[in-house]
Amino acid sequence: MTPHTSRRLLMGIGSGALLAGLATRSAGAQTPAPLRILLLNPNSSPDFTKIIAAEARRVGSPGTEFVEVTAPFGPRYIGTRATIAIAGHAAVDGLAQTLASGQQFDAAILAGFGAQGVPALQEMAPFPVVDMLTASVGAALLLGRKFSALTGGARWVPMLEEQIEAFGLGSRLASVRSIPLTGAEIAKDQDKALGLLAELAETCVREDGADCVILGGAAVAGLHRRMADRVSVPLLDSVATSVAMAELLARVATRPPKAKDALPAVESVGLSEPLANVLKPTP
């Protein structure tokens, strides 16, 4: 079997199936317990949520339950710094409402590539919270010396470059490139984006020296499988990679108890009741 063939085979294995196999071995061949993972879409678009949930269920481990929550307000599509800020509030509010319902989860995914606010979600949640950009970049570092990130919409290029630079990984970044279609346009017709993404991914390899390419955003979820034979380096799907990371952390990370008075109580105005209670818990 050639290295090229081996890579194609690995790319065809669902991330969840691979993790389940590893977890089973580490548990002495016992079947791992089912997981419950929250998919928190910071866009207020139900169409994006459907794409995210479909890919998560395709690649997740057998038995993993995914519960999707769409941002209760805010932009349908995140594409500017202002919409990033608003979506961060919406994601925090969505998590507060979900926690107030009494539901239990093993992990959560902030399902927006470049969406910010994970530290706030981690402060609130009694379980691991991962985001698509961080999970994908972390995986990319294990696949080669340099990586590229592809997404939809030119405005995302400098914003993603800034975030990756803030990680301290500028020297590992080959490039950030985008196709002319926005995430909203890609979500309506993924086929229109397929050829553009495949061509641009190979450009990242040929011109930028990328050893792997991240396909970033909910709108492009699942397209890596259809592009695999047209790109000469590994492709990482940001949704699938985040599912793998969330399942991994849910299984291996310990959970120290959160002190009830760990955060100072803060008065607020105009927030939803669940979020206001997070800031100032009712006695």
C-alpha atoms as a PDB file:
ATOM      1  CA  MET A   1       0.000   0.000   0.000  1.00  0.00           C
ATOM      2  CA  THR A   2       1.483   3.369  -1.006  1.00  0.00           C
ATOM      3  CA  PRO A   3       1.601   6.350   1.397  1.00  0.00           C
ATOM      4  CA  HIS A   4      -0.788   8.153  -0.965  1.00  0.00           C
ATOM      5  CA  THR A   5      -3.288   5.296  -0.766  1.00  0.00           C
ATOM      6  CA  SER A   6      -2.941   5.087   3.009  1.00  0.00           C
ATOM      7  CA  ARG A   7      -3.676   8.797   3.336  1.00  0.00           C
ATOM      8  CA  ARG A   8      -6.785   8.489   1.174  1.00  0.00           C
ATOM      9  CA  LEU A   9      -8.009   5.618   3.317  1.00  0.00           C
ATOM     10  CA  LEU A  10      -7.466   7.554   6.521  1.00  0.00           C
ATOM     11  CA  MET A  11      -9.302  10.544   5.078  1.00  0.00           C
ATOM     12  CA  GLY A  12     -12.229   8.275   4.296  1.00  0.00           C
ATOM     13  CA  ILE A  13     -12.554   7.039   7.867  1.00  0.00           C
ATOM     14  CA  GLY A  14     -15.035   9.013   9.966  1.00  0.00           C
ATOM     15  CA  SER A  15     -13.299  10.910  12.766  1.00  0.00           C
ATOM     16  CA  GLY A  16     -15.769   9.467  15.223  1.00  0.00           C
ATOM     17  CA  ALA A  17     -15.077   5.910  14.124  1.00  0.00           C
ATOM     18  CA  LEU A  18     -11.348   6.438  14.541  1.00  0.00           C
ATOM     19  CA  LEU A  19     -11.801   7.940  18.011  1.00  0.00           C
ATOM     20  CA  ALA A  20     -14.174   5.202  19.039  1.00  0.00           C
ATOM     21  CA  GLY A  21     -11.596   2.608  18.081  1.00  0.00           C
ATOM     22  CA  LEU A  22      -8.873   4.350  20.054  1.00  0.00           C
ATOM     23  CA  ALA A  23     -11.149   4.786  23.064  1.00  0.00           C
ATOM     24  CA  THR A  24     -12.137   1.129  22.967  1.00  0.00           C
ATOM     25  CA  ARG A  25      -8.509   0.023  22.989  1.00  0.00           C
ATOM     26  CA  SER A  26      -7.632   2.351  25.863  1.00  0.00           C
ATOM     27  CA  ALA A  27     -10.600   1.082  27.875  1.00  0.00           C
ATOM     28  CA  GLY A  28      -9.525  -2.533  27.624  1.00  0.00           C
ATOM     29  CA  ALA A  29     -11.794  -3.369  24.667  1.00  0.00           C
ATOM     30  CA  GLN A  30     -14.886  -2.080  26.467  1.00  0.00           C
ATOM     31  CA  THR A  31     -17.427  -0.173  24.395  1.00  0.00           C
ATOM     32  CA  PRO A  32     -17.086   3.546  25.189  1.00  0.00           C
ATOM     33  CA  ALA A  33     -20.080   5.176  26.825  1.00  0.00           C
ATOM     34  CA  PRO A  34     -22.311   7.212  24.489  1.00  0.00           C
ATOM     35  CA  LEU A  35     -21.657  10.931  24.436  1.00  0.00           C
ATOM     36  CA  ARG A  36     -24.003  13.913  24.257  1.00  0.00           C
ATOM     37  CA  ILE A  37     -22.555  16.915  22.439  1.00  0.00           C
ATOM     38  CA  LEU A  38     -24.053  20.369  22.042  1.00  0.00           C
ATOM     39  CA  LEU A  39     -23.714  21.958  18.587  1.00  0.00           C
ATOM     40  CA  LEU A  40     -24.009  25.707  19.150  1.00  0.00           C
ATOM     41  CA  ASN A  41     -24.372  27.637  15.899  1.00  0.00           C
ATOM     42  CA  PRO A  42     -23.462  31.310  16.481  1.00  0.00           C
ATOM     43  CA  ASN A  43     -25.134  32.259  13.189  1.00  0.00           C
ATOM     44  CA  SER A  44     -28.887  32.675  13.510  1.00  0.00           C
ATOM     45  CA  SER A  45     -29.423  30.707  10.291  1.00  0.00           C
ATOM     46  CA  PRO A  46     -31.257  27.380  10.690  1.00  0.00           C
ATOM     47  CA  ASP A  47     -29.869  26.362   7.280  1.00  0.00           C
ATOM     48  CA  PHE A  48     -26.330  26.512   8.649  1.00  0.00           C
ATOM     49  CA  THR A  49     -27.417  24.510  11.690  1.00  0.00           C
ATOM     50  CA  LYS A  50     -28.804  21.747   9.459  1.00  0.00           C
ATOM     51  CA  ILE A  51     -25.518  21.478   7.526  1.00  0.00           C
ATOM     52  CA  ILE A  52     -23.486  21.384  10.751  1.00  0.00           C
ATOM     53  CA  ALA A  53     -25.699  18.751  12.356  1.00  0.00           C
ATOM     54  CA  ALA A  54     -25.756  16.542   9.260  1.00  0.00           C
ATOM     55  CA  GLU A  55     -21.949  16.435   9.057  1.00  0.00           C
ATOM     56  CA  ALA A  56     -21.565  15.920  12.814  1.00  0.00           C
ATOM     57  CA  ARG A  57     -23.897  12.915  12.750  1.00  0.00           C
ATOM     58  CA  ARG A  58     -22.092  11.503   9.740  1.00  0.00           C
ATOM     59  CA  VAL A  59     -18.631  11.580  11.324  1.00  0.00           C
ATOM     60  CA  GLY A  60     -19.456  11.178  15.021  1.00  0.00           C
ATOM     61  CA  SER A  61     -18.886   7.975  16.947  1.00  0.00           C
ATOM     62  CA  PRO A  62     -21.680   5.382  17.054  1.00  0.00           C
ATOM     63  CA  GLY A  63     -24.024   6.299  19.860  1.00  0.00           C
ATOM     64  CA  THR A  64     -22.985   9.954  20.117  1.00  0.00           C
ATOM     65  CA  GLU A  65     -26.024  12.211  20.358  1.00  0.00           C
ATOM     66  CA  PHE A  66     -25.818  15.700  18.893  1.00  0.00           C
ATOM     67  CA  VAL A  67     -28.169  18.425  20.088  1.00  0.00           C
ATOM     68  CA  GLU A  68     -28.195  21.490  17.870  1.00  0.00           C
ATOM     69  CA  VAL A  69     -28.957  25.012  19.084  1.00  0.00           C
ATOM     70  CA  THR A  70     -29.166  27.993  16.740  1.00  0.00           C
ATOM     71  CA  ALA A  71     -28.237  31.453  18.013  1.00  0.00           C
ATOM     72  CA  PRO A  72     -31.473  33.024  19.339  1.00  0.00           C
ATOM     73  CA  PHE A  73     -30.733  36.386  17.690  1.00  0.00           C
ATOM     74  CA  GLY A  74     -28.102  38.143  15.633  1.00  0.00           C
ATOM     75  CA  PRO A  75     -26.748  37.854  12.092  1.00  0.00           C
ATOM     76  CA  ARG A  76     -27.867  35.049   9.829  1.00  0.00           C
ATOM     77  CA  TYR A  77     -24.289  34.905   8.549  1.00  0.00           C
ATOM     78  CA  ILE A  78     -21.106  36.077  10.297  1.00  0.00           C
ATOM     79  CA  GLY A  79     -18.857  37.986   7.926  1.00  0.00           C
ATOM     80  CA  THR A  80     -17.575  41.143   9.629  1.00  0.00           C
ATOM     81  CA  ARG A  81     -16.007  42.102  12.930  1.00  0.00           C
ATOM     82  CA  ALA A  82     -19.296  43.642  14.058  1.00  0.00           C
ATOM     83  CA  THR A  83     -21.225  40.454  13.324  1.00  0.00           C
ATOM     84  CA  ILE A  84     -18.545  38.421  15.115  1.00  0.00           C
ATOM     85  CA  ALA A  85     -19.106  40.540  18.234  1.00  0.00           C
ATOM     86  CA  ILE A  86     -22.897  40.221  18.046  1.00  0.00           C
ATOM     87  CA  ALA A  87     -22.697  36.475  17.400  1.00  0.00           C
ATOM     88  CA  GLY A  88     -20.459  36.076  20.440  1.00  0.00           C
ATOM     89  CA  HIS A  89     -23.227  37.540  22.601  1.00  0.00           C
ATOM     90  CA  ALA A  90     -25.800  35.329  20.894  1.00  0.00           C
ATOM     91  CA  ALA A  91     -23.706  32.212  21.513  1.00  0.00           C
ATOM     92  CA  VAL A  92     -23.314  33.054  25.204  1.00  0.00           C
ATOM     93  CA  ASP A  93     -27.052  33.637  25.440  1.00  0.00           C
ATOM     94  CA  GLY A  94     -27.802  30.379  23.640  1.00  0.00           C
ATOM     95  CA  LEU A  95     -25.593  28.449  26.033  1.00  0.00           C
ATOM     96  CA  ALA A  96     -27.169  30.150  29.062  1.00  0.00           C
ATOM     97  CA  GLN A  97     -30.658  29.199  27.879  1.00  0.00           C
ATOM     98  CA  THR A  98     -29.557  25.620  27.187  1.00  0.00           C
ATOM     99  CA  LEU A  99     -27.953  25.228  30.606  1.00  0.00           C
ATOM    100  CA  ALA A 100     -31.040  26.719  32.274  1.00  0.00           C
ATOM    101  CA  SER A 101     -33.136  23.949  30.716  1.00  0.00           C
ATOM    102  CA  GLY A 102     -31.259  21.408  32.829  1.00  0.00           C
ATOM    103  CA  GLN A 103     -29.879  19.445  29.885  1.00  0.00           C
ATOM    104  CA  GLN A 104     -26.630  17.540  30.428  1.00  0.00           C
ATOM    105  CA  PHE A 105     -23.764  17.420  27.911  1.00  0.00           C
ATOM    106  CA  ASP A 106     -20.306  15.895  27.680  1.00  0.00           C
ATOM    107  CA  ALA A 107     -18.892  18.623  25.406  1.00  0.00           C
ATOM    108  CA  ALA A 108     -19.934  21.501  23.169  1.00  0.00           C
ATOM    109  CA  ILE A 109     -18.826  22.875  19.818  1.00  0.00           C
ATOM    110  CA  LEU A 110     -19.043  26.553  18.904  1.00  0.00           C
ATOM    111  CA  ALA A 111     -19.787  25.826  15.276  1.00  0.00           C
ATOM    112  CA  GLY A 112     -18.491  28.958  13.599  1.00  0.00           C
ATOM    113  CA  PHE A 113     -15.101  29.079  11.863  1.00  0.00           C
ATOM    114  CA  GLY A 114     -13.477  32.189  13.312  1.00  0.00           C
ATOM    115  CA  ALA A 115     -16.398  32.894  15.628  1.00  0.00           C
ATOM    116  CA  GLN A 116     -15.128  34.225  18.925  1.00  0.00           C
ATOM    117  CA  GLY A 117     -16.304  33.901  22.507  1.00  0.00           C
ATOM    118  CA  VAL A 118     -15.090  30.425  23.447  1.00  0.00           C
ATOM    119  CA  PRO A 119     -13.339  31.637  26.627  1.00  0.00           C
ATOM    120  CA  ALA A 120     -16.677  33.015  27.847  1.00  0.00           C
ATOM    121  CA  LEU A 121     -18.445  29.762  27.008  1.00  0.00           C
ATOM    122  CA  GLN A 122     -15.728  27.771  28.771  1.00  0.00           C
ATOM    123  CA  GLU A 123     -16.171  29.988  31.820  1.00  0.00           C
ATOM    124  CA  MET A 124     -19.867  29.097  31.917  1.00  0.00           C
ATOM    125  CA  ALA A 125     -19.941  25.453  30.868  1.00  0.00           C
ATOM    126  CA  PRO A 126     -19.225  22.464  33.145  1.00  0.00           C
ATOM    127  CA  PHE A 127     -17.864  20.555  30.119  1.00  0.00           C
ATOM    128  CA  PRO A 128     -15.227  21.121  27.381  1.00  0.00           C
ATOM    129  CA  VAL A 129     -16.067  23.672  24.687  1.00  0.00           C
ATOM    130  CA  VAL A 130     -14.170  23.702  21.390  1.00  0.00           C
ATOM    131  CA  ASP A 131     -14.383  25.976  18.379  1.00  0.00           C
ATOM    132  CA  MET A 132     -13.845  25.085  14.751  1.00  0.00           C
ATOM    133  CA  LEU A 133     -10.845  27.309  14.057  1.00  0.00           C
ATOM    134  CA  THR A 134      -8.820  26.214  17.086  1.00  0.00           C
ATOM    135  CA  ALA A 135      -9.651  22.525  16.597  1.00  0.00           C
ATOM    136  CA  SER A 136      -8.718  22.647  12.914  1.00  0.00           C
ATOM    137  CA  VAL A 137      -5.485  24.548  13.421  1.00  0.00           C
ATOM    138  CA  GLY A 138      -4.481  22.158  16.215  1.00  0.00           C
ATOM    139  CA  ALA A 139      -5.013  19.186  13.916  1.00  0.00           C
ATOM    140  CA  ALA A 140      -3.219  20.903  11.015  1.00  0.00           C
ATOM    141  CA  LEU A 141      -0.066  21.289  13.117  1.00  0.00           C
ATOM    142  CA  LEU A 142       0.131  17.488  13.312  1.00  0.00           C
ATOM    143  CA  LEU A 143      -0.106  17.007   9.555  1.00  0.00           C
ATOM    144  CA  GLY A 144       2.799  19.087   8.326  1.00  0.00           C
ATOM    145  CA  ARG A 145       5.050  22.073   8.753  1.00  0.00           C
ATOM    146  CA  LYS A 146       2.694  24.630   7.181  1.00  0.00           C
ATOM    147  CA  PHE A 147      -1.053  24.798   6.658  1.00  0.00           C
ATOM    148  CA  SER A 148      -3.495  26.923   4.702  1.00  0.00           C
ATOM    149  CA  ALA A 149      -7.095  27.821   5.487  1.00  0.00           C
ATOM    150  CA  LEU A 150      -9.798  28.260   2.862  1.00  0.00           C
ATOM    151  CA  THR A 151     -13.198  29.808   3.383  1.00  0.00           C
ATOM    152  CA  GLY A 152     -15.864  31.856   1.627  1.00  0.00           C
ATOM    153  CA  GLY A 153     -15.822  35.656   1.472  1.00  0.00           C
ATOM    154  CA  ALA A 154     -12.814  37.959   1.102  1.00  0.00           C
ATOM    155  CA  ARG A 155     -13.517  39.787   4.379  1.00  0.00           C
ATOM    156  CA  TRP A 156     -12.650  36.628   6.303  1.00  0.00           C
ATOM    157  CA  VAL A 157      -9.050  36.558   5.049  1.00  0.00           C
ATOM    158  CA  PRO A 158      -7.601  39.314   7.280  1.00  0.00           C
ATOM    159  CA  MET A 159      -9.809  38.323  10.210  1.00  0.00           C
ATOM    160  CA  LEU A 160      -8.605  34.714  10.141  1.00  0.00           C
ATOM    161  CA  GLU A 161      -5.001  35.805   9.623  1.00  0.00           C
ATOM    162  CA  GLU A 162      -5.273  37.986  12.738  1.00  0.00           C
ATOM    163  CA  GLN A 163      -6.695  35.153  14.833  1.00  0.00           C
ATOM    164  CA  ILE A 164      -4.051  32.653  13.723  1.00  0.00           C
ATOM    165  CA  GLU A 165      -1.317  35.221  14.334  1.00  0.00           C
ATOM    166  CA  ALA A 166      -2.779  35.733  17.814  1.00  0.00           C
ATOM    167  CA  PHE A 167      -2.306  31.997  18.436  1.00  0.00           C
ATOM    168  CA  GLY A 168       1.419  32.615  17.875  1.00  0.00           C
ATOM    169  CA  LEU A 169       1.351  30.447  14.745  1.00  0.00           C
ATOM    170  CA  GLY A 170       2.202  32.935  12.029  1.00  0.00           C
ATOM    171  CA  SER A 171       5.325  30.981  11.084  1.00  0.00           C
ATOM    172  CA  ARG A 172       3.238  27.835  10.521  1.00  0.00           C
ATOM    173  CA  LEU A 173       0.609  29.553   8.366  1.00  0.00           C
ATOM    174  CA  ALA A 174       1.170  29.142   4.628  1.00  0.00           C
ATOM    175  CA  SER A 175      -1.841  31.250   3.649  1.00  0.00           C
ATOM    176  CA  VAL A 176      -5.460  32.147   4.166  1.00  0.00           C
ATOM    177  CA  ARG A 177      -7.426  32.311   0.937  1.00  0.00           C
ATOM    178  CA  SER A 178     -11.085  32.665   0.037  1.00  0.00           C
ATOM    179  CA  ILE A 179     -13.368  32.006  -2.875  1.00  0.00           C
ATOM    180  CA  PRO A 180     -15.660  34.842  -4.023  1.00  0.00           C
ATOM    181  CA  LEU A 181     -18.805  33.143  -2.691  1.00  0.00           C
ATOM    182  CA  THR A 182     -19.888  33.980   0.847  1.00  0.00           C
ATOM    183  CA  GLY A 183     -20.770  31.296   3.354  1.00  0.00           C
ATOM    184  CA  ALA A 184     -24.446  32.066   2.872  1.00  0.00           C
ATOM    185  CA  GLU A 185     -24.130  31.592  -0.897  1.00  0.00           C
ATOM    186  CA  ILE A 186     -22.172  28.352  -0.483  1.00  0.00           C
ATOM    187  CA  ALA A 187     -24.785  26.973   1.913  1.00  0.00           C
ATOM    188  CA  LYS A 188     -27.474  27.447  -0.722  1.00  0.00           C
ATOM    189  CA  ASP A 189     -25.500  25.570  -3.400  1.00  0.00           C
ATOM    190  CA  GLN A 190     -22.373  23.680  -2.322  1.00  0.00           C
ATOM    191  CA  ASP A 191     -21.828  22.391  -5.849  1.00  0.00           C
ATOM    192  CA  LYS A 192     -20.999  25.933  -7.030  1.00  0.00           C
ATOM    193  CA  ALA A 193     -18.147  26.104  -4.527  1.00  0.00           C
ATOM    194  CA  LEU A 194     -16.685  22.637  -5.086  1.00  0.00           C
ATOM    195  CA  GLY A 195     -14.504  23.354  -8.113  1.00  0.00           C
ATOM    196  CA  LEU A 196     -13.395  26.746  -6.818  1.00  0.00           C
ATOM    197  CA  LEU A 197     -12.307  25.262  -3.493  1.00  0.00           C
ATOM    198  CA  ALA A 198     -10.466  22.332  -5.074  1.00  0.00           C
ATOM    199  CA  GLU A 199      -8.562  24.629  -7.438  1.00  0.00           C
ATOM    200  CA  LEU A 200      -7.722  27.080  -4.664  1.00  0.00           C
ATOM    201  CA  ALA A 201      -6.592  24.295  -2.313  1.00  0.00           C
ATOM    202  CA  GLU A 202      -4.106  23.084  -4.898  1.00  0.00           C
ATOM    203  CA  THR A 203      -2.943  26.687  -5.376  1.00  0.00           C
ATOM    204  CA  CYS A 204      -2.167  26.767  -1.645  1.00  0.00           C
ATOM    205  CA  VAL A 205       0.020  23.701  -2.126  1.00  0.00           C
ATOM    206  CA  ARG A 206       1.746  24.848  -5.302  1.00  0.00           C
ATOM    207  CA  GLU A 207       2.259  28.557  -4.541  1.00  0.00           C
ATOM    208  CA  ASP A 208       2.144  28.814  -0.735  1.00  0.00           C
ATOM    209  CA  GLY A 209       3.816  25.564   0.327  1.00  0.00           C
ATOM    210  CA  ALA A 210       0.893  24.183   2.340  1.00  0.00           C
ATOM    211  CA  ASP A 211       1.298  20.647   3.699  1.00  0.00           C
ATOM    212  CA  CYS A 212      -2.410  20.458   4.521  1.00  0.00           C
ATOM    213  CA  VAL A 213      -5.460  22.632   3.880  1.00  0.00           C
ATOM    214  CA  ILE A 214      -8.315  23.466   6.235  1.00  0.00           C
ATOM    215  CA  LEU A 215     -11.772  23.931   4.734  1.00  0.00           C
ATOM    216  CA  GLY A 216     -13.277  26.377   7.173  1.00  0.00           C
ATOM    217  CA  GLY A 217     -16.914  27.065   7.899  1.00  0.00           C
ATOM    218  CA  ALA A 218     -20.224  25.326   8.271  1.00  0.00           C
ATOM    219  CA  ALA A 219     -21.136  26.055   4.660  1.00  0.00           C
ATOM    220  CA  VAL A 220     -18.354  23.827   3.275  1.00  0.00           C
ATOM    221  CA  ALA A 221     -18.940  20.941   5.687  1.00  0.00           C
ATOM    222  CA  GLY A 222     -18.541  17.580   3.977  1.00  0.00           C
ATOM    223  CA  LEU A 223     -16.967  18.914   0.779  1.00  0.00           C
ATOM    224  CA  HIS A 224     -13.537  17.522   1.728  1.00  0.00           C
ATOM    225  CA  ARG A 225     -14.728  14.028   0.817  1.00  0.00           C
ATOM    226  CA  ARG A 226     -15.722  15.130  -2.679  1.00  0.00           C
ATOM    227  CA  MET A 227     -12.458  17.040  -3.196  1.00  0.00           C
ATOM    228  CA  ALA A 228      -9.991  14.493  -1.802  1.00  0.00           C
ATOM    229  CA  ASP A 229      -8.890  13.089  -5.158  1.00  0.00           C
ATOM    230  CA  ARG A 230      -8.353  16.582  -6.603  1.00  0.00           C
ATOM    231  CA  VAL A 231      -5.971  17.898  -3.945  1.00  0.00           C
ATOM    232  CA  SER A 232      -2.458  16.543  -3.338  1.00  0.00           C
ATOM    233  CA  VAL A 233      -2.317  17.148   0.453  1.00  0.00           C
ATOM    234  CA  PRO A 234      -4.626  16.203   3.354  1.00  0.00           C
ATOM    235  CA  LEU A 235      -7.821  18.215   3.730  1.00  0.00           C
ATOM    236  CA  LEU A 236      -9.328  19.022   7.119  1.00  0.00           C
ATOM    237  CA  ASP A 237     -13.035  19.719   7.415  1.00  0.00           C
ATOM    238  CA  SER A 238     -13.565  22.181  10.270  1.00  0.00           C
ATOM    239  CA  VAL A 239     -16.846  20.617  11.403  1.00  0.00           C
ATOM    240  CA  ALA A 240     -15.576  17.025  11.311  1.00  0.00           C
ATOM    241  CA  THR A 241     -12.343  17.980  13.056  1.00  0.00           C
ATOM    242  CA  SER A 242     -14.271  19.780  15.802  1.00  0.00           C
ATOM    243  CA  VAL A 243     -16.451  16.720  16.369  1.00  0.00           C
ATOM    244  CA  ALA A 244     -13.336  14.565  16.722  1.00  0.00           C
ATOM    245  CA  MET A 245     -11.794  17.029  19.167  1.00  0.00           C
ATOM    246  CA  ALA A 246     -14.973  17.355  21.237  1.00  0.00           C
ATOM    247  CA  GLU A 247     -15.328  13.577  21.507  1.00  0.00           C
ATOM    248  CA  LEU A 248     -11.658  13.244  22.440  1.00  0.00           C
ATOM    249  CA  LEU A 249     -11.862  15.850  25.215  1.00  0.00           C
ATOM    250  CA  ALA A 250     -15.141  14.419  26.501  1.00  0.00           C
ATOM    251  CA  ARG A 251     -13.456  11.034  26.911  1.00  0.00           C
ATOM    252  CA  VAL A 252     -10.003  11.954  28.213  1.00  0.00           C
ATOM    253  CA  ALA A 253     -10.192  15.324  29.989  1.00  0.00           C
ATOM    254  CA  THR A 254     -10.955  15.381  33.712  1.00  0.00           C
ATOM    255  CA  ARG A 255     -13.615  17.783  34.984  1.00  0.00           C
ATOM    256  CA  PRO A 256     -12.669  19.722  38.090  1.00  0.00           C
ATOM    257  CA  PRO A 257     -15.731  20.955  39.985  1.00  0.00           C
ATOM    258  CA  LYS A 258     -16.774  24.546  39.375  1.00  0.00           C
ATOM    259  CA  ALA A 259     -17.135  26.609  42.533  1.00  0.00           C
ATOM    260  CA  LYS A 260     -20.590  28.175  42.788  1.00  0.00           C
ATOM    261  CA  ASP A 261     -19.070  31.503  43.805  1.00  0.00           C
ATOM    262  CA  ALA A 262     -16.142  31.374  41.370  1.00  0.00           C
ATOM    263  CA  LEU A 263     -17.370  34.442  39.470  1.00  0.00           C
ATOM    264  CA  PRO A 264     -18.381  37.794  40.964  1.00  0.00           C
ATOM    265  CA  ALA A 265     -22.081  38.659  40.713  1.00  0.00           C
ATOM    266  CA  VAL A 266     -22.725  41.435  38.189  1.00  0.00           C
ATOM    267  CA  GLU A 267     -25.858  43.549  37.724  1.00  0.00           C
ATOM    268  CA  SER A 268     -27.087  43.703  34.114  1.00  0.00           C
ATOM    269  CA  VAL A 269     -29.761  45.356  31.973  1.00  0.00           C
ATOM    270  CA  GLY A 270     -31.578  44.083  28.905  1.00  0.00           C
ATOM    271  CA  LEU A 271     -30.303  40.504  28.939  1.00  0.00           C
ATOM    272  CA  SER A 272     -32.371  37.354  28.720  1.00  0.00           C
ATOM    273  CA  GLU A 273     -33.311  35.939  32.109  1.00  0.00           C
ATOM    274  CA  PRO A 274     -31.062  32.856  31.789  1.00  0.00           C
ATOM    275  CA  LEU A 275     -28.035  34.980  30.886  1.00  0.00           C
ATOM    276  CA  ALA A 276     -28.770  37.516  33.610  1.00  0.00           C
ATOM    277  CA  ASN A 277     -28.900  34.628  36.084  1.00  0.00           C
ATOM    278  CA  VAL A 278     -25.490  33.438  34.911  1.00  0.00           C
ATOM    279  CA  LEU A 279     -24.053  36.861  35.680  1.00  0.00           C
ATOM    280  CA  LYS A 280     -25.924  37.187  38.951  1.00  0.00           C
ATOM    281  CA  PRO A 281     -27.346  33.835  40.071  1.00  0.00           C
ATOM    282  CA  THR A 282     -30.641  34.029  41.900  1.00  0.00           C
ATOM    283  CA  PRO A 283     -30.394  32.964  45.579  1.00  0.00           C
END
